[in-house]
Amino acid sequence: MYNGKRFAVVLNVAGRHRVISGIGAYDFDRDLGPVLRVNLQDDEDSDNAGHQTLLVQQEALRGRVLADDQYGCDFRLEFATTMS
């Protein structure tokens, strides 16, 4: 379902909103179990410059995946984090 689909990864960290995007691949990792890999697009002007893959362990996901084209992608993966 997620393989080859475009993902917008929405991060809300300490009140700052960031969106990065890439292509998803659902996989099974021997050590982590089911994981979603988002291979981030290589864009030097974006917030994800220099990064390659976001790895999300299904059992530890503290966010949500929604079918949504709000950011020009097939799915939206949202994370909310507070930093003290």
Protein backbone atom coordinates (compact mmCIF):
# COMPACT_ATOMS: atom_id res chain seq x y z
CA MET A 1 0.00 0.00 0.00
CA TYR A 2 2.82 2.46 0.84
CA ASN A 3 5.47 1.26 -1.61
CA GLY A 4 6.29 3.91 -4.18
CA LYS A 5 3.84 6.43 -2.73
CA ARG A 6 4.85 10.01 -1.98
CA PHE A 7 4.87 10.99 1.71
CA ALA A 8 4.76 14.44 3.25
CA VAL A 9 6.37 14.18 6.69
CA VAL A 10 4.98 16.91 8.93
CA LEU A 11 7.02 17.74 12.02
CA ASN A 12 5.81 20.06 14.78
CA VAL A 13 8.73 20.50 17.15
CA ALA A 14 8.58 23.06 19.94
CA GLY A 15 6.03 25.13 18.00
CA ARG A 16 7.95 25.04 14.69
CA HIS A 17 6.23 23.49 11.67
CA ARG A 18 8.38 21.69 9.05
CA VAL A 19 7.43 19.56 6.06
CA ILE A 20 9.78 17.20 4.24
CA SER A 21 8.83 14.71 1.56
CA GLY A 22 9.94 11.52 -0.10
CA ILE A 23 8.99 8.11 -1.45
CA GLY A 24 7.73 5.43 0.95
CA ALA A 25 8.60 1.75 1.21
CA TYR A 26 7.04 -0.64 3.73
CA ASP A 27 9.58 -3.21 4.86
CA PHE A 28 10.44 -5.70 7.57
CA ASP A 29 13.68 -5.11 9.46
CA ARG A 30 15.18 -8.09 11.27
CA ASP A 31 15.85 -6.04 14.41
CA LEU A 32 13.03 -3.49 14.34
CA GLY A 33 10.13 -5.43 12.83
CA PRO A 34 7.72 -3.66 10.45
CA VAL A 35 9.09 -0.29 9.35
CA LEU A 36 8.18 2.48 6.97
CA ARG A 37 11.14 3.93 5.11
CA VAL A 38 10.72 7.35 3.54
CA ASN A 39 13.53 8.05 1.08
CA LEU A 40 13.73 11.82 1.27
CA GLN A 41 14.04 13.89 -1.86
CA ASP A 42 17.45 15.43 -2.38
CA ASP A 43 16.89 19.18 -2.43
CA GLU A 44 19.65 21.42 -1.11
CA ASP A 45 17.18 24.26 -0.45
CA SER A 46 14.88 22.16 1.74
CA ASP A 47 14.99 21.28 5.43
CA ASN A 48 16.06 17.72 4.59
CA ALA A 49 19.23 18.61 2.68
CA GLY A 50 21.93 16.02 3.37
CA HIS A 51 19.50 13.45 4.80
CA GLN A 52 18.56 10.33 2.91
CA THR A 53 16.04 8.10 4.70
CA LEU A 54 13.56 8.49 7.52
CA LEU A 55 12.94 5.14 9.20
CA VAL A 56 9.74 4.75 11.25
CA GLN A 57 9.28 1.67 13.40
CA GLN A 58 5.60 0.70 13.27
CA GLU A 59 5.35 -0.35 16.92
CA ALA A 60 6.95 2.87 18.16
CA LEU A 61 5.06 5.27 15.87
CA ARG A 62 3.91 8.27 17.86
CA GLY A 63 2.18 9.95 15.01
CA ARG A 64 -0.35 9.17 12.36
CA VAL A 65 -0.45 8.31 8.67
CA LEU A 66 -3.28 9.84 6.65
CA ALA A 67 -4.23 9.51 2.99
CA ASP A 68 -3.97 13.20 2.11
CA ASP A 69 -2.75 15.27 -0.84
CA GLN A 70 -2.50 18.55 1.09
CA TYR A 71 1.25 18.81 0.38
CA GLY A 72 1.14 17.30 -3.11
CA CYS A 73 1.75 13.76 -1.83
CA ASP A 74 -0.30 10.58 -1.47
CA PHE A 75 0.05 10.36 2.32
CA ARG A 76 0.79 12.66 5.23
CA LEU A 77 2.84 11.37 8.17
CA GLU A 78 2.46 13.65 11.19
CA PHE A 79 4.69 13.89 14.23
CA ALA A 80 4.26 16.23 17.19
CA THR A 81 7.09 16.63 19.66
CA THR A 82 7.70 19.00 22.54
CA MET A 83 11.21 19.88 23.61
CA SER A 84 12.05 21.16 27.06
